[in-house]
């Protein structure tokens, strides 16, 4: 059962990160949703860590803007 929940969480995070990257913008609501979903189970999986790194990479390279901060 745990693996199924983990996979759903990881899939949701991947879709959220894909949407953020596609839009080129991340606002406070996106940030809150992303962080609360990632920390909900108390651990960060390798898959979730890669998604977080994607966000950081896009911010550092200027391909993702933080808006409404």
C-alpha atoms as a PDB file:
ATOM      1  CA  UNK A   1       0.000   0.000   0.000  1.00  0.00           C
ATOM      2  CA  UNK A   2       2.831   2.413   0.871  1.00  0.00           C
ATOM      3  CA  UNK A   3       4.431   2.036  -2.567  1.00  0.00           C
ATOM      4  CA  UNK A   4       1.118   2.859  -4.290  1.00  0.00           C
ATOM      5  CA  UNK A   5       0.723   6.052  -2.242  1.00  0.00           C
ATOM      6  CA  UNK A   6       4.346   6.977  -2.888  1.00  0.00           C
ATOM      7  CA  UNK A   7       3.911   6.490  -6.628  1.00  0.00           C
ATOM      8  CA  UNK A   8       0.758   8.657  -6.659  1.00  0.00           C
ATOM      9  CA  UNK A   9       2.601  11.366  -4.759  1.00  0.00           C
ATOM     10  CA  UNK A  10       5.571  11.189  -7.113  1.00  0.00           C
ATOM     11  CA  UNK A  11       3.283  11.280 -10.157  1.00  0.00           C
ATOM     12  CA  UNK A  12       1.460  14.328  -8.788  1.00  0.00           C
ATOM     13  CA  UNK A  13       4.761  16.080  -8.100  1.00  0.00           C
ATOM     14  CA  UNK A  14       6.053  15.278 -11.574  1.00  0.00           C
ATOM     15  CA  UNK A  15       2.895  16.684 -13.178  1.00  0.00           C
ATOM     16  CA  UNK A  16       3.074  19.799 -10.992  1.00  0.00           C
ATOM     17  CA  UNK A  17       6.750  20.387 -11.812  1.00  0.00           C
ATOM     18  CA  UNK A  18       6.072  19.823 -15.519  1.00  0.00           C
ATOM     19  CA  UNK A  19       3.251  22.392 -15.409  1.00  0.00           C
ATOM     20  CA  UNK A  20       5.440  24.921 -13.584  1.00  0.00           C
ATOM     21  CA  UNK A  21       8.324  24.465 -16.004  1.00  0.00           C
ATOM     22  CA  UNK A  22       6.056  24.612 -19.051  1.00  0.00           C
ATOM     23  CA  UNK A  23       4.559  27.895 -17.837  1.00  0.00           C
ATOM     24  CA  UNK A  24       8.000  29.306 -17.018  1.00  0.00           C
ATOM     25  CA  UNK A  25       6.641  30.720 -13.751  1.00  0.00           C
ATOM     26  CA  UNK A  26       6.232  29.588 -10.167  1.00  0.00           C
ATOM     27  CA  UNK A  27       4.123  31.491  -7.651  1.00  0.00           C
ATOM     28  CA  UNK A  28       3.655  31.105  -3.895  1.00  0.00           C
ATOM     29  CA  UNK A  29       0.708  28.771  -4.339  1.00  0.00           C
ATOM     30  CA  UNK A  30       2.747  26.448  -6.597  1.00  0.00           C
ATOM     31  CA  UNK A  31       5.585  26.528  -4.070  1.00  0.00           C
ATOM     32  CA  UNK A  32       3.284  25.738  -1.138  1.00  0.00           C
ATOM     33  CA  UNK A  33       1.597  22.881  -2.994  1.00  0.00           C
ATOM     34  CA  UNK A  34       4.922  21.431  -4.095  1.00  0.00           C
ATOM     35  CA  UNK A  35       6.580  21.618  -0.685  1.00  0.00           C
ATOM     36  CA  UNK A  36       3.577  20.347   1.272  1.00  0.00           C
ATOM     37  CA  UNK A  37       3.218  17.366  -1.057  1.00  0.00           C
ATOM     38  CA  UNK A  38       6.908  16.522  -0.903  1.00  0.00           C
ATOM     39  CA  UNK A  39       7.168  16.674   2.893  1.00  0.00           C
ATOM     40  CA  UNK A  40       3.789  15.037   3.603  1.00  0.00           C
ATOM     41  CA  UNK A  41       5.291  11.584   4.138  1.00  0.00           C
ATOM     42  CA  UNK A  42       8.322  12.831   6.079  1.00  0.00           C
ATOM     43  CA  UNK A  43      10.874  11.621   3.530  1.00  0.00           C
ATOM     44  CA  UNK A  44      12.085  12.836   0.170  1.00  0.00           C
ATOM     45  CA  UNK A  45      12.502  10.083  -2.395  1.00  0.00           C
ATOM     46  CA  UNK A  46      15.100  10.124  -5.160  1.00  0.00           C
ATOM     47  CA  UNK A  47      12.343  10.856  -7.676  1.00  0.00           C
ATOM     48  CA  UNK A  48      11.109  13.820  -5.632  1.00  0.00           C
ATOM     49  CA  UNK A  49      14.680  15.064  -5.173  1.00  0.00           C
ATOM     50  CA  UNK A  50      15.191  15.052  -8.951  1.00  0.00           C
ATOM     51  CA  UNK A  51      12.005  17.085  -9.406  1.00  0.00           C
ATOM     52  CA  UNK A  52      13.206  19.645  -6.843  1.00  0.00           C
ATOM     53  CA  UNK A  53      16.542  19.851  -8.647  1.00  0.00           C
ATOM     54  CA  UNK A  54      14.746  20.463 -11.955  1.00  0.00           C
ATOM     55  CA  UNK A  55      13.048  23.490 -10.401  1.00  0.00           C
ATOM     56  CA  UNK A  56      16.342  24.823  -8.989  1.00  0.00           C
ATOM     57  CA  UNK A  57      18.129  24.283 -12.314  1.00  0.00           C
ATOM     58  CA  UNK A  58      15.455  26.204 -14.187  1.00  0.00           C
ATOM     59  CA  UNK A  59      15.553  29.075 -11.668  1.00  0.00           C
ATOM     60  CA  UNK A  60      19.363  29.268 -11.779  1.00  0.00           C
ATOM     61  CA  UNK A  61      19.453  29.332 -15.570  1.00  0.00           C
ATOM     62  CA  UNK A  62      16.714  31.974 -15.796  1.00  0.00           C
ATOM     63  CA  UNK A  63      14.242  29.689 -17.528  1.00  0.00           C
ATOM     64  CA  UNK A  64      11.866  29.832 -14.552  1.00  0.00           C
ATOM     65  CA  UNK A  65      10.681  33.046 -12.932  1.00  0.00           C
ATOM     66  CA  UNK A  66       9.358  33.373  -9.400  1.00  0.00           C
ATOM     67  CA  UNK A  67       6.229  35.556  -9.514  1.00  0.00           C
ATOM     68  CA  UNK A  68       3.903  37.048  -6.890  1.00  0.00           C
ATOM     69  CA  UNK A  69       6.460  36.743  -4.080  1.00  0.00           C
END
